[in-house]
Amino acid sequence: MRIALGIEYDGHHFFGWQAQENLPTVQRCVEEVLSKIADAEIKVFCAGRTDAGVHATGQVIHFETQAKRNLRAWTAGANSYLPHSVAVTWAKEVDDAFHARFSALSRRYRYIIYNNSIRPAISALRVTWYQRYLDVEMMEEAGQFLLGELDFSSFRSAACESKTPMRNVHFIKVTRHGHFVVIEIQANAFLHHMVRNIVGVLMRIGAGLENPEWARVVLAAKDRRQAAETAPATGLYLAQVNYPDLYGFPNADKGLLLF
């Protein structure tokens, strides 16, 4: 049978999602625990690979198994073995046509900035600290230049392996909640470092170092060197992966995660 799981994790403890030899990764951690539950080797496939330090509240994976287990074994049972930084949030049996990556309609990322002159303590590893005041209205205006099916070459890393720089961004929303600035970005898919590079541009604009039109200039350049620095991984969350309604997956969104 094929099983889909919702996964939540604190990426600070891992070298990203993808399994790497002799390094702690989320995939490796999850596969080891699921293999223990199934009493057989399990290989999982995810909706989107996240980098070192990036978090997730809405990661989705799937795997195949011959083991006859009730769904609680894949949630509560797995959570009893997983470290505190990783949790299975739901489990559901799916048809053989389902694929965590290729069946997804869109992904939504959330980036959280602690915008204050004084650094945070408790949330230090789960938000990005930025001291200069950010104008969220300017950031929101700039984000609208990046909507639609566009060439995001200026926002992809040199290590990006995608065959095309074209991506369809559905929305970019920027809001302030006290000292927290939250950026929500949804697209059909993302290039490597695309969200963090977009956030880097929006932060320069919000800080008054560039005007909102600069986002359009950077996009048109199709040159990563024309953009801003890549924003840190600590503030980034894979918040939600959207699938066709027929699968009936729970809404994984945990809100703004304000600390």
C-alpha atoms as a PDB file:
ATOM      1  CA  MET A   1       0.000   0.000   0.000  1.00  0.00           C
ATOM      2  CA  ARG A   2       1.011   3.636  -0.449  1.00  0.00           C
ATOM      3  CA  ILE A   3       0.892   5.918   2.591  1.00  0.00           C
ATOM      4  CA  ALA A   4       1.082   9.720   2.693  1.00  0.00           C
ATOM      5  CA  LEU A   5       2.263  11.516   5.825  1.00  0.00           C
ATOM      6  CA  GLY A   6       2.348  15.122   6.985  1.00  0.00           C
ATOM      7  CA  ILE A   7       5.695  16.051   8.533  1.00  0.00           C
ATOM      8  CA  GLU A   8       6.701  18.961  10.749  1.00  0.00           C
ATOM      9  CA  TYR A   9      10.304  19.713  11.695  1.00  0.00           C
ATOM     10  CA  ASP A  10      12.731  22.239  13.121  1.00  0.00           C
ATOM     11  CA  GLY A  11      15.404  22.433  10.442  1.00  0.00           C
ATOM     12  CA  HIS A  12      18.069  23.903  12.737  1.00  0.00           C
ATOM     13  CA  HIS A  13      19.088  20.403  13.809  1.00  0.00           C
ATOM     14  CA  PHE A  14      19.557  19.021  10.283  1.00  0.00           C
ATOM     15  CA  PHE A  15      21.634  19.401   7.132  1.00  0.00           C
ATOM     16  CA  GLY A  16      18.470  19.833   5.104  1.00  0.00           C
ATOM     17  CA  TRP A  17      15.856  17.312   4.013  1.00  0.00           C
ATOM     18  CA  GLN A  18      17.714  15.101   1.548  1.00  0.00           C
ATOM     19  CA  ALA A  19      19.593  12.069   2.878  1.00  0.00           C
ATOM     20  CA  GLN A  20      23.373  12.525   2.930  1.00  0.00           C
ATOM     21  CA  GLU A  21      25.968  10.035   4.027  1.00  0.00           C
ATOM     22  CA  ASN A  22      27.195  10.551   7.590  1.00  0.00           C
ATOM     23  CA  LEU A  23      25.125  13.716   8.063  1.00  0.00           C
ATOM     24  CA  PRO A  24      21.895  14.176  10.056  1.00  0.00           C
ATOM     25  CA  THR A  25      19.049  14.966   7.638  1.00  0.00           C
ATOM     26  CA  VAL A  26      15.287  14.908   8.046  1.00  0.00           C
ATOM     27  CA  GLN A  27      14.801  12.266   5.348  1.00  0.00           C
ATOM     28  CA  ARG A  28      17.323   9.938   6.922  1.00  0.00           C
ATOM     29  CA  CYS A  29      15.780  10.392  10.361  1.00  0.00           C
ATOM     30  CA  VAL A  30      12.234   9.732   9.107  1.00  0.00           C
ATOM     31  CA  GLU A  31      13.222   6.719   6.984  1.00  0.00           C
ATOM     32  CA  GLU A  32      15.018   5.074   9.899  1.00  0.00           C
ATOM     33  CA  VAL A  33      11.965   5.394  12.138  1.00  0.00           C
ATOM     34  CA  LEU A  34       9.437   4.284   9.506  1.00  0.00           C
ATOM     35  CA  SER A  35      11.639   1.292   8.684  1.00  0.00           C
ATOM     36  CA  LYS A  36      11.533   0.345  12.346  1.00  0.00           C
ATOM     37  CA  ILE A  37       7.728   0.601  12.376  1.00  0.00           C
ATOM     38  CA  ALA A  38       7.405  -1.434   9.152  1.00  0.00           C
ATOM     39  CA  ASP A  39      10.142  -3.921  10.140  1.00  0.00           C
ATOM     40  CA  ALA A  40      11.479  -3.415   6.601  1.00  0.00           C
ATOM     41  CA  GLU A  41      13.419  -0.768   4.703  1.00  0.00           C
ATOM     42  CA  ILE A  42      11.316   2.288   3.821  1.00  0.00           C
ATOM     43  CA  LYS A  43      12.238   4.935   1.252  1.00  0.00           C
ATOM     44  CA  VAL A  44      10.237   8.153   1.286  1.00  0.00           C
ATOM     45  CA  PHE A  45       9.521  10.822  -1.342  1.00  0.00           C
ATOM     46  CA  CYS A  46       8.826  14.424  -0.325  1.00  0.00           C
ATOM     47  CA  ALA A  47       6.845  17.328  -1.766  1.00  0.00           C
ATOM     48  CA  GLY A  48       9.820  19.677  -1.613  1.00  0.00           C
ATOM     49  CA  ARG A  49      13.414  19.362  -0.441  1.00  0.00           C
ATOM     50  CA  THR A  50      14.373  21.987   2.116  1.00  0.00           C
ATOM     51  CA  ASP A  51      17.885  23.297   2.786  1.00  0.00           C
ATOM     52  CA  ALA A  52      19.890  23.168   5.998  1.00  0.00           C
ATOM     53  CA  GLY A  53      18.242  25.308   8.663  1.00  0.00           C
ATOM     54  CA  VAL A  54      14.870  25.566   6.872  1.00  0.00           C
ATOM     55  CA  HIS A  55      11.800  24.440   8.817  1.00  0.00           C
ATOM     56  CA  ALA A  56       8.488  22.868   7.814  1.00  0.00           C
ATOM     57  CA  THR A  57       5.001  22.686   9.238  1.00  0.00           C
ATOM     58  CA  GLY A  58       3.450  21.318   6.054  1.00  0.00           C
ATOM     59  CA  GLN A  59       5.901  18.907   4.435  1.00  0.00           C
ATOM     60  CA  VAL A  60       4.202  15.932   2.757  1.00  0.00           C
ATOM     61  CA  ILE A  61       5.836  12.596   1.995  1.00  0.00           C
ATOM     62  CA  HIS A  62       4.767   9.219   0.668  1.00  0.00           C
ATOM     63  CA  PHE A  63       6.161   5.709   0.789  1.00  0.00           C
ATOM     64  CA  GLU A  64       5.197   2.169  -0.131  1.00  0.00           C
ATOM     65  CA  THR A  65       5.068  -0.717   2.297  1.00  0.00           C
ATOM     66  CA  GLN A  66       3.893  -4.304   2.566  1.00  0.00           C
ATOM     67  CA  ALA A  67       3.503  -3.936   6.326  1.00  0.00           C
ATOM     68  CA  LYS A  68      -0.055  -4.134   7.637  1.00  0.00           C
ATOM     69  CA  ARG A  69      -0.264  -1.333  10.195  1.00  0.00           C
ATOM     70  CA  ASN A  70      -3.104   0.907  11.293  1.00  0.00           C
ATOM     71  CA  LEU A  71      -2.637   4.608  10.583  1.00  0.00           C
ATOM     72  CA  ARG A  72      -1.939   5.346  14.228  1.00  0.00           C
ATOM     73  CA  ALA A  73       1.271   3.335  13.945  1.00  0.00           C
ATOM     74  CA  TRP A  74       2.521   5.786  11.338  1.00  0.00           C
ATOM     75  CA  THR A  75       1.667   8.804  13.520  1.00  0.00           C
ATOM     76  CA  ALA A  76       1.800   8.143  17.266  1.00  0.00           C
ATOM     77  CA  GLY A  77       4.022   5.112  16.794  1.00  0.00           C
ATOM     78  CA  ALA A  78       6.525   6.983  14.656  1.00  0.00           C
ATOM     79  CA  ASN A  79       6.462  10.014  16.953  1.00  0.00           C
ATOM     80  CA  SER A  80       7.432   7.844  19.904  1.00  0.00           C
ATOM     81  CA  TYR A  81      10.780   7.193  18.157  1.00  0.00           C
ATOM     82  CA  LEU A  82      11.357  10.485  16.347  1.00  0.00           C
ATOM     83  CA  PRO A  83      13.391  13.257  18.040  1.00  0.00           C
ATOM     84  CA  HIS A  84      11.470  16.210  19.480  1.00  0.00           C
ATOM     85  CA  SER A  85      12.447  18.305  16.451  1.00  0.00           C
ATOM     86  CA  VAL A  86      10.456  16.081  14.036  1.00  0.00           C
ATOM     87  CA  ALA A  87       6.815  14.967  14.157  1.00  0.00           C
ATOM     88  CA  VAL A  88       4.351  13.131  11.939  1.00  0.00           C
ATOM     89  CA  THR A  89       1.164  15.211  11.986  1.00  0.00           C
ATOM     90  CA  TRP A  90      -1.197  12.975   9.979  1.00  0.00           C
ATOM     91  CA  ALA A  91      -1.299   9.767   7.922  1.00  0.00           C
ATOM     92  CA  LYS A  92      -3.550   8.630   5.103  1.00  0.00           C
ATOM     93  CA  GLU A  93      -3.615   5.727   2.664  1.00  0.00           C
ATOM     94  CA  VAL A  94      -3.498   6.953  -0.955  1.00  0.00           C
ATOM     95  CA  ASP A  95      -3.851   5.394  -4.403  1.00  0.00           C
ATOM     96  CA  ASP A  96      -0.869   4.327  -6.492  1.00  0.00           C
ATOM     97  CA  ALA A  97      -1.205   7.417  -8.698  1.00  0.00           C
ATOM     98  CA  PHE A  98      -0.344   9.746  -5.816  1.00  0.00           C
ATOM     99  CA  HIS A  99       3.148  11.207  -5.609  1.00  0.00           C
ATOM    100  CA  ALA A 100       4.092  13.700  -2.903  1.00  0.00           C
ATOM    101  CA  ARG A 101       6.049  15.839  -5.362  1.00  0.00           C
ATOM    102  CA  PHE A 102       4.385  15.383  -8.734  1.00  0.00           C
ATOM    103  CA  SER A 103       0.759  15.392  -7.515  1.00  0.00           C
ATOM    104  CA  ALA A 104       1.194  18.744  -5.756  1.00  0.00           C
ATOM    105  CA  LEU A 105      -0.626  21.720  -7.271  1.00  0.00           C
ATOM    106  CA  SER A 106       1.294  24.378  -5.368  1.00  0.00           C
ATOM    107  CA  ARG A 107       3.565  25.061  -2.411  1.00  0.00           C
ATOM    108  CA  ARG A 108       3.389  27.917   0.053  1.00  0.00           C
ATOM    109  CA  TYR A 109       6.342  29.169   2.051  1.00  0.00           C
ATOM    110  CA  ARG A 110       6.279  31.517   5.016  1.00  0.00           C
ATOM    111  CA  TYR A 111       9.232  33.710   5.955  1.00  0.00           C
ATOM    112  CA  ILE A 112       9.292  35.276   9.436  1.00  0.00           C
ATOM    113  CA  ILE A 113      11.450  38.285  10.276  1.00  0.00           C
ATOM    114  CA  TYR A 114      11.932  39.629  13.795  1.00  0.00           C
ATOM    115  CA  ASN A 115      12.185  43.325  12.997  1.00  0.00           C
ATOM    116  CA  ASN A 116      13.570  45.038  16.084  1.00  0.00           C
ATOM    117  CA  SER A 117      16.754  46.758  17.227  1.00  0.00           C
ATOM    118  CA  ILE A 118      17.127  44.181  20.017  1.00  0.00           C
ATOM    119  CA  ARG A 119      17.864  40.597  19.010  1.00  0.00           C
ATOM    120  CA  PRO A 120      15.487  37.780  20.031  1.00  0.00           C
ATOM    121  CA  ALA A 121      16.503  34.966  22.366  1.00  0.00           C
ATOM    122  CA  ILE A 122      13.860  32.221  22.507  1.00  0.00           C
ATOM    123  CA  SER A 123      13.002  32.440  18.805  1.00  0.00           C
ATOM    124  CA  ALA A 124      16.554  33.169  17.602  1.00  0.00           C
ATOM    125  CA  LEU A 125      16.879  29.960  15.571  1.00  0.00           C
ATOM    126  CA  ARG A 126      13.350  30.096  14.120  1.00  0.00           C
ATOM    127  CA  VAL A 127      13.168  33.649  12.770  1.00  0.00           C
ATOM    128  CA  THR A 128      15.497  36.035  10.951  1.00  0.00           C
ATOM    129  CA  TRP A 129      16.556  39.060  12.975  1.00  0.00           C
ATOM    130  CA  TYR A 130      16.702  42.344  11.013  1.00  0.00           C
ATOM    131  CA  GLN A 131      17.414  45.587  12.847  1.00  0.00           C
ATOM    132  CA  ARG A 132      16.558  48.271  10.277  1.00  0.00           C
ATOM    133  CA  TYR A 133      12.821  49.117  10.252  1.00  0.00           C
ATOM    134  CA  LEU A 134      10.947  47.473   7.362  1.00  0.00           C
ATOM    135  CA  ASP A 135       8.126  49.205   5.499  1.00  0.00           C
ATOM    136  CA  VAL A 136       5.709  46.343   4.746  1.00  0.00           C
ATOM    137  CA  GLU A 137       3.646  48.420   2.321  1.00  0.00           C
ATOM    138  CA  MET A 138       6.692  48.975   0.105  1.00  0.00           C
ATOM    139  CA  MET A 139       7.551  45.273   0.333  1.00  0.00           C
ATOM    140  CA  GLU A 140       3.993  44.305  -0.578  1.00  0.00           C
ATOM    141  CA  GLU A 141       4.033  46.675  -3.569  1.00  0.00           C
ATOM    142  CA  ALA A 142       7.337  45.243  -4.775  1.00  0.00           C
ATOM    143  CA  GLY A 143       6.085  41.692  -4.487  1.00  0.00           C
ATOM    144  CA  GLN A 144       3.318  42.321  -6.995  1.00  0.00           C
ATOM    145  CA  PHE A 145       5.919  42.704  -9.779  1.00  0.00           C
ATOM    146  CA  LEU A 146       6.838  39.051  -9.270  1.00  0.00           C
ATOM    147  CA  LEU A 147       3.422  37.460  -9.823  1.00  0.00           C
ATOM    148  CA  GLY A 148       2.528  35.143 -12.684  1.00  0.00           C
ATOM    149  CA  GLU A 149       4.423  32.796 -15.000  1.00  0.00           C
ATOM    150  CA  LEU A 150       7.850  34.448 -15.161  1.00  0.00           C
ATOM    151  CA  ASP A 151      11.560  33.816 -15.650  1.00  0.00           C
ATOM    152  CA  PHE A 152      13.107  33.793 -12.156  1.00  0.00           C
ATOM    153  CA  SER A 153      16.740  33.462 -13.241  1.00  0.00           C
ATOM    154  CA  SER A 154      17.649  36.430 -10.999  1.00  0.00           C
ATOM    155  CA  PHE A 155      16.287  34.539  -8.002  1.00  0.00           C
ATOM    156  CA  ARG A 156      17.827  31.080  -8.464  1.00  0.00           C
ATOM    157  CA  SER A 157      21.083  29.879  -6.941  1.00  0.00           C
ATOM    158  CA  ALA A 158      24.098  28.856  -9.001  1.00  0.00           C
ATOM    159  CA  ALA A 159      23.556  25.307  -7.722  1.00  0.00           C
ATOM    160  CA  CYS A 160      19.964  25.123  -9.020  1.00  0.00           C
ATOM    161  CA  GLU A 161      19.447  21.995 -11.146  1.00  0.00           C
ATOM    162  CA  SER A 162      16.056  22.894 -12.622  1.00  0.00           C
ATOM    163  CA  LYS A 163      15.881  22.671 -16.418  1.00  0.00           C
ATOM    164  CA  THR A 164      13.846  25.869 -16.628  1.00  0.00           C
ATOM    165  CA  PRO A 165      13.791  29.132 -14.634  1.00  0.00           C
ATOM    166  CA  MET A 166      10.069  29.577 -15.318  1.00  0.00           C
ATOM    167  CA  ARG A 167       7.799  29.471 -12.283  1.00  0.00           C
ATOM    168  CA  ASN A 168       4.236  30.645 -11.634  1.00  0.00           C
ATOM    169  CA  VAL A 169       3.951  32.713  -8.451  1.00  0.00           C
ATOM    170  CA  HIS A 170       0.329  32.882  -7.282  1.00  0.00           C
ATOM    171  CA  PHE A 171       0.675  35.494  -4.552  1.00  0.00           C
ATOM    172  CA  ILE A 172       3.115  37.348  -2.323  1.00  0.00           C
ATOM    173  CA  LYS A 173       1.707  38.847   0.863  1.00  0.00           C
ATOM    174  CA  VAL A 174       3.629  40.907   3.416  1.00  0.00           C
ATOM    175  CA  THR A 175       2.145  41.740   6.821  1.00  0.00           C
ATOM    176  CA  ARG A 176       3.368  43.143  10.129  1.00  0.00           C
ATOM    177  CA  HIS A 177       2.409  41.737  13.544  1.00  0.00           C
ATOM    178  CA  GLY A 178       4.154  43.860  16.152  1.00  0.00           C
ATOM    179  CA  HIS A 179       7.878  43.256  15.734  1.00  0.00           C
ATOM    180  CA  PHE A 180       7.259  40.350  13.323  1.00  0.00           C
ATOM    181  CA  VAL A 181       7.139  40.803   9.546  1.00  0.00           C
ATOM    182  CA  VAL A 182       5.651  37.806   7.745  1.00  0.00           C
ATOM    183  CA  ILE A 183       6.068  37.116   4.028  1.00  0.00           C
ATOM    184  CA  GLU A 184       3.828  34.494   2.398  1.00  0.00           C
ATOM    185  CA  ILE A 185       4.743  33.226  -1.075  1.00  0.00           C
ATOM    186  CA  GLN A 186       2.804  30.608  -3.029  1.00  0.00           C
ATOM    187  CA  ALA A 187       3.770  29.178  -6.425  1.00  0.00           C
ATOM    188  CA  ASN A 188       3.364  26.039  -8.466  1.00  0.00           C
ATOM    189  CA  ALA A 189       6.986  25.198  -7.594  1.00  0.00           C
ATOM    190  CA  PHE A 190      10.201  26.951  -6.565  1.00  0.00           C
ATOM    191  CA  LEU A 191      13.782  27.152  -7.776  1.00  0.00           C
ATOM    192  CA  HIS A 192      16.689  26.533  -5.410  1.00  0.00           C
ATOM    193  CA  HIS A 193      16.918  29.475  -2.965  1.00  0.00           C
ATOM    194  CA  MET A 194      14.131  31.271  -4.854  1.00  0.00           C
ATOM    195  CA  VAL A 195      12.118  32.223  -1.767  1.00  0.00           C
ATOM    196  CA  ARG A 196      15.147  33.375   0.194  1.00  0.00           C
ATOM    197  CA  ASN A 197      16.397  35.424  -2.760  1.00  0.00           C
ATOM    198  CA  ILE A 198      12.996  37.073  -3.187  1.00  0.00           C
ATOM    199  CA  VAL A 199      12.942  37.869   0.524  1.00  0.00           C
ATOM    200  CA  GLY A 200      16.431  39.381   0.260  1.00  0.00           C
ATOM    201  CA  VAL A 201      15.176  41.784  -2.417  1.00  0.00           C
ATOM    202  CA  LEU A 202      12.014  42.645  -0.454  1.00  0.00           C
ATOM    203  CA  MET A 203      14.039  43.343   2.692  1.00  0.00           C
ATOM    204  CA  ARG A 204      16.290  45.845   0.876  1.00  0.00           C
ATOM    205  CA  ILE A 205      13.196  47.574  -0.453  1.00  0.00           C
ATOM    206  CA  GLY A 206      11.453  47.548   2.918  1.00  0.00           C
ATOM    207  CA  ALA A 207      14.557  49.039   4.534  1.00  0.00           C
ATOM    208  CA  GLY A 208      14.428  51.957   2.087  1.00  0.00           C
ATOM    209  CA  LEU A 209      17.656  50.954   0.297  1.00  0.00           C
ATOM    210  CA  GLU A 210      15.791  50.473  -2.995  1.00  0.00           C
ATOM    211  CA  ASN A 211      12.362  51.473  -4.315  1.00  0.00           C
ATOM    212  CA  PRO A 212       9.598  48.914  -5.084  1.00  0.00           C
ATOM    213  CA  GLU A 213      10.269  49.179  -8.850  1.00  0.00           C
ATOM    214  CA  TRP A 214      13.684  47.630  -8.223  1.00  0.00           C
ATOM    215  CA  ALA A 215      12.021  44.207  -7.884  1.00  0.00           C
ATOM    216  CA  ARG A 216      10.900  44.476 -11.521  1.00  0.00           C
ATOM    217  CA  VAL A 217      14.389  45.606 -12.592  1.00  0.00           C
ATOM    218  CA  VAL A 218      15.988  42.621 -10.869  1.00  0.00           C
ATOM    219  CA  LEU A 219      13.488  40.228 -12.450  1.00  0.00           C
ATOM    220  CA  ALA A 220      14.081  41.642 -15.935  1.00  0.00           C
ATOM    221  CA  ALA A 221      17.871  41.347 -15.556  1.00  0.00           C
ATOM    222  CA  LYS A 222      17.703  37.529 -15.431  1.00  0.00           C
ATOM    223  CA  ASP A 223      20.996  37.710 -13.576  1.00  0.00           C
ATOM    224  CA  ARG A 224      21.439  36.545  -9.976  1.00  0.00           C
ATOM    225  CA  ARG A 225      24.276  39.062  -9.500  1.00  0.00           C
ATOM    226  CA  GLN A 226      21.793  41.927  -9.865  1.00  0.00           C
ATOM    227  CA  ALA A 227      19.706  40.856  -6.855  1.00  0.00           C
ATOM    228  CA  ALA A 228      20.238  41.145  -3.105  1.00  0.00           C
ATOM    229  CA  GLU A 229      21.922  38.766  -0.704  1.00  0.00           C
ATOM    230  CA  THR A 230      20.171  35.485   0.013  1.00  0.00           C
ATOM    231  CA  ALA A 231      18.090  35.808   3.186  1.00  0.00           C
ATOM    232  CA  PRO A 232      19.064  33.450   6.039  1.00  0.00           C
ATOM    233  CA  ALA A 233      17.500  30.000   6.279  1.00  0.00           C
ATOM    234  CA  THR A 234      16.364  30.433   9.891  1.00  0.00           C
ATOM    235  CA  GLY A 235      13.207  32.382   9.030  1.00  0.00           C
ATOM    236  CA  LEU A 236      11.915  30.071   6.298  1.00  0.00           C
ATOM    237  CA  TYR A 237       9.076  27.526   6.651  1.00  0.00           C
ATOM    238  CA  LEU A 238       7.438  25.177   4.165  1.00  0.00           C
ATOM    239  CA  ALA A 239       3.956  25.982   5.408  1.00  0.00           C
ATOM    240  CA  GLN A 240       1.560  24.165   3.077  1.00  0.00           C
ATOM    241  CA  VAL A 241       1.532  21.861   0.046  1.00  0.00           C
ATOM    242  CA  ASN A 242      -1.740  21.878  -1.870  1.00  0.00           C
ATOM    243  CA  TYR A 243      -3.157  18.811  -3.638  1.00  0.00           C
ATOM    244  CA  PRO A 244      -6.354  18.009  -5.543  1.00  0.00           C
ATOM    245  CA  ASP A 245      -9.373  17.918  -3.224  1.00  0.00           C
ATOM    246  CA  LEU A 246      -9.945  14.232  -3.897  1.00  0.00           C
ATOM    247  CA  TYR A 247      -7.125  13.349  -1.486  1.00  0.00           C
ATOM    248  CA  GLY A 248      -8.755  15.175   1.411  1.00  0.00           C
ATOM    249  CA  PHE A 249      -5.533  15.951   3.253  1.00  0.00           C
ATOM    250  CA  PRO A 250      -5.723  18.037   6.448  1.00  0.00           C
ATOM    251  CA  ASN A 251      -4.769  21.718   6.344  1.00  0.00           C
ATOM    252  CA  ALA A 252      -1.251  21.806   7.764  1.00  0.00           C
ATOM    253  CA  ASP A 253      -1.061  25.575   8.235  1.00  0.00           C
ATOM    254  CA  LYS A 254      -0.262  26.412  11.860  1.00  0.00           C
ATOM    255  CA  GLY A 255      -0.798  30.135  11.541  1.00  0.00           C
ATOM    256  CA  LEU A 256       1.867  32.778  11.797  1.00  0.00           C
ATOM    257  CA  LEU A 257       4.015  30.909  14.319  1.00  0.00           C
ATOM    258  CA  LEU A 258       4.661  34.092  16.233  1.00  0.00           C
ATOM    259  CA  PHE A 259       6.862  33.480  19.243  1.00  0.00           C
END
